[in-house]
């Protein structure tokens, strides 16, 4: 299963998809798609994710199989 740095961050931080979605102004469903590697966020959304999480941009756009 694909696991993104965003999925790991939200899990460790205990932040729900709904709460994070409100912070970056998207739907919870869209957050779920991004964190499972089924959608690649636009540059605008990626910048919002980076601002909220501190994750490097390259980590926002990549997934790691089975981790």
N, C-alpha and C. Protein backbone atom coordinates (compact mmCIF):
# COMPACT_ATOMS: atom_id res chain seq x y z
N UNK A 1 0.84 -1.18 0.00
CA UNK A 1 0.00 0.00 0.00
C UNK A 1 0.88 1.25 0.00
N UNK A 2 0.48 2.23 -0.75
CA UNK A 2 1.21 3.49 -0.80
C UNK A 2 0.95 4.28 0.47
N UNK A 3 2.00 4.84 1.02
CA UNK A 3 1.87 5.71 2.19
C UNK A 3 2.70 6.95 1.95
N UNK A 4 2.07 8.08 2.06
CA UNK A 4 2.75 9.34 1.81
C UNK A 4 3.27 9.93 3.11
N UNK A 5 4.18 10.88 2.96
CA UNK A 5 4.69 11.61 4.12
C UNK A 5 3.54 12.34 4.81
N UNK A 6 2.58 12.80 4.02
CA UNK A 6 1.42 13.49 4.61
C UNK A 6 0.63 12.53 5.48
N UNK A 7 0.40 11.30 5.01
CA UNK A 7 -0.34 10.32 5.80
C UNK A 7 0.39 10.04 7.12
N UNK A 8 1.70 9.89 7.05
CA UNK A 8 2.49 9.64 8.26
C UNK A 8 2.39 10.83 9.21
N UNK A 9 2.53 12.04 8.67
CA UNK A 9 2.46 13.25 9.49
C UNK A 9 1.12 13.35 10.21
N UNK A 10 0.03 13.19 9.47
CA UNK A 10 -1.30 13.32 10.07
C UNK A 10 -1.54 12.25 11.12
N UNK A 11 -1.07 11.04 10.86
CA UNK A 11 -1.22 9.95 11.82
C UNK A 11 -0.46 10.24 13.12
N UNK A 12 0.80 10.62 12.99
CA UNK A 12 1.63 10.90 14.17
C UNK A 12 1.08 12.10 14.95
N UNK A 13 0.63 13.12 14.23
CA UNK A 13 0.12 14.34 14.87
C UNK A 13 -1.30 14.17 15.41
N UNK A 14 -1.96 13.09 15.01
CA UNK A 14 -3.33 12.87 15.46
C UNK A 14 -4.33 13.84 14.87
N UNK A 15 -4.06 14.28 13.64
CA UNK A 15 -4.92 15.25 12.97
C UNK A 15 -5.84 14.51 12.01
N UNK A 16 -7.13 14.77 12.10
CA UNK A 16 -8.10 14.11 11.21
C UNK A 16 -8.07 14.74 9.82
N UNK A 17 -8.55 13.98 8.85
CA UNK A 17 -8.66 14.51 7.49
C UNK A 17 -9.54 15.76 7.48
N UNK A 18 -10.61 15.73 8.24
CA UNK A 18 -11.54 16.86 8.28
C UNK A 18 -10.86 18.11 8.82
N UNK A 19 -10.14 17.97 9.93
CA UNK A 19 -9.46 19.13 10.51
C UNK A 19 -8.38 19.67 9.57
N UNK A 20 -7.61 18.77 8.97
CA UNK A 20 -6.55 19.21 8.07
C UNK A 20 -7.15 19.85 6.82
N UNK A 21 -8.23 19.29 6.32
CA UNK A 21 -8.89 19.84 5.13
C UNK A 21 -9.32 21.28 5.37
N UNK A 22 -9.84 21.55 6.54
CA UNK A 22 -10.25 22.92 6.85
C UNK A 22 -9.06 23.86 6.84
N UNK A 23 -7.92 23.40 7.36
CA UNK A 23 -6.73 24.24 7.40
C UNK A 23 -6.20 24.58 6.02
N UNK A 24 -6.30 23.62 5.07
CA UNK A 24 -5.74 23.88 3.74
C UNK A 24 -6.84 24.20 2.71
N UNK A 25 -8.07 24.33 3.19
CA UNK A 25 -9.21 24.75 2.37
C UNK A 25 -9.52 23.82 1.19
N UNK A 26 -9.63 22.52 1.52
CA UNK A 26 -10.08 21.52 0.56
C UNK A 26 -11.07 20.61 1.28
N UNK A 27 -11.62 19.62 0.58
CA UNK A 27 -12.55 18.69 1.22
C UNK A 27 -11.77 17.57 1.91
N UNK A 28 -12.37 16.96 2.93
CA UNK A 28 -11.72 15.81 3.58
C UNK A 28 -11.45 14.66 2.60
N UNK A 29 -12.34 14.47 1.65
CA UNK A 29 -12.14 13.43 0.64
C UNK A 29 -10.90 13.68 -0.20
N UNK A 30 -10.65 14.94 -0.51
CA UNK A 30 -9.46 15.28 -1.30
C UNK A 30 -8.19 15.04 -0.49
N UNK A 31 -8.22 15.37 0.80
CA UNK A 31 -7.07 15.07 1.67
C UNK A 31 -6.81 13.57 1.66
N UNK A 32 -7.86 12.78 1.77
CA UNK A 32 -7.71 11.33 1.76
C UNK A 32 -7.08 10.83 0.48
N UNK A 33 -7.49 11.37 -0.65
CA UNK A 33 -6.92 10.97 -1.94
C UNK A 33 -5.43 11.33 -2.01
N UNK A 34 -5.07 12.50 -1.53
CA UNK A 34 -3.67 12.93 -1.55
C UNK A 34 -2.84 12.03 -0.64
N UNK A 35 -3.33 11.80 0.57
CA UNK A 35 -2.51 11.06 1.53
C UNK A 35 -2.35 9.59 1.18
N UNK A 36 -3.22 9.07 0.32
CA UNK A 36 -3.08 7.68 -0.15
C UNK A 36 -2.46 7.59 -1.53
N UNK A 37 -1.96 8.71 -2.04
CA UNK A 37 -1.25 8.72 -3.31
C UNK A 37 -2.12 8.55 -4.53
N UNK A 38 -3.43 8.79 -4.38
CA UNK A 38 -4.33 8.65 -5.53
C UNK A 38 -4.54 9.96 -6.28
N UNK A 39 -4.12 11.07 -5.69
CA UNK A 39 -4.16 12.37 -6.35
C UNK A 39 -2.88 13.11 -6.02
N UNK A 40 -2.42 13.89 -6.98
CA UNK A 40 -1.27 14.76 -6.77
C UNK A 40 -1.82 16.16 -6.59
N UNK A 41 -1.48 16.81 -5.48
CA UNK A 41 -2.03 18.16 -5.26
C UNK A 41 -1.46 19.17 -6.24
N UNK A 42 -2.26 20.18 -6.52
CA UNK A 42 -1.76 21.29 -7.34
C UNK A 42 -0.65 21.99 -6.56
N UNK A 43 0.11 22.82 -7.24
CA UNK A 43 1.18 23.57 -6.58
C UNK A 43 0.61 24.43 -5.46
N UNK A 44 -0.54 25.02 -5.68
CA UNK A 44 -1.18 25.88 -4.69
C UNK A 44 -1.53 25.10 -3.42
N UNK A 45 -2.12 23.92 -3.60
CA UNK A 45 -2.48 23.08 -2.46
C UNK A 45 -1.23 22.53 -1.80
N UNK A 46 -0.23 22.15 -2.58
CA UNK A 46 1.03 21.64 -2.03
C UNK A 46 1.69 22.69 -1.14
N UNK A 47 1.64 23.94 -1.54
CA UNK A 47 2.21 25.02 -0.72
C UNK A 47 1.45 25.17 0.60
N UNK A 48 0.13 25.00 0.55
CA UNK A 48 -0.66 25.06 1.79
C UNK A 48 -0.28 23.89 2.71
N UNK A 49 -0.11 22.70 2.10
CA UNK A 49 0.29 21.52 2.88
C UNK A 49 1.65 21.77 3.53
N UNK A 50 2.59 22.28 2.75
CA UNK A 50 3.94 22.56 3.27
C UNK A 50 3.88 23.55 4.42
N UNK A 51 3.07 24.59 4.26
CA UNK A 51 2.95 25.62 5.29
C UNK A 51 2.40 25.04 6.59
N UNK A 52 1.43 24.14 6.50
CA UNK A 52 0.81 23.57 7.69
C UNK A 52 1.65 22.46 8.33
N UNK A 53 2.42 21.73 7.52
CA UNK A 53 3.12 20.56 8.04
C UNK A 53 4.63 20.75 8.20
N UNK A 54 5.19 21.65 7.39
CA UNK A 54 6.64 21.79 7.37
C UNK A 54 7.35 20.73 6.54
N UNK A 55 6.57 19.89 5.87
CA UNK A 55 7.15 18.85 5.02
C UNK A 55 7.84 19.47 3.81
N UNK A 56 8.97 18.91 3.38
CA UNK A 56 9.60 19.39 2.15
C UNK A 56 8.67 19.14 0.95
N UNK A 57 8.72 20.03 -0.02
CA UNK A 57 7.85 19.90 -1.20
C UNK A 57 8.00 18.54 -1.88
N UNK A 58 9.23 18.04 -2.00
CA UNK A 58 9.40 16.75 -2.69
C UNK A 58 8.71 15.62 -1.95
N UNK A 59 8.59 15.71 -0.62
CA UNK A 59 7.89 14.68 0.14
C UNK A 59 6.39 14.73 -0.06
N UNK A 60 5.86 15.89 -0.36
CA UNK A 60 4.43 16.04 -0.59
C UNK A 60 4.02 15.36 -1.89
N UNK A 61 4.93 15.32 -2.85
CA UNK A 61 4.61 14.77 -4.16
C UNK A 61 5.03 13.31 -4.35
N UNK A 62 5.59 12.67 -3.33
CA UNK A 62 6.05 11.29 -3.49
C UNK A 62 5.38 10.36 -2.50
N UNK A 63 5.37 9.07 -2.85
CA UNK A 63 4.85 8.03 -1.96
C UNK A 63 5.92 6.97 -1.77
N UNK A 64 5.75 6.19 -0.74
CA UNK A 64 6.67 5.09 -0.48
C UNK A 64 5.87 3.82 -0.39
N UNK A 65 6.17 2.84 -1.21
CA UNK A 65 5.46 1.57 -1.22
C UNK A 65 5.74 0.80 0.06
N UNK A 66 4.66 0.33 0.68
CA UNK A 66 4.78 -0.59 1.80
C UNK A 66 5.43 -0.05 3.06
N UNK A 67 5.53 1.25 3.21
CA UNK A 67 6.14 1.82 4.42
C UNK A 67 5.12 2.51 5.26
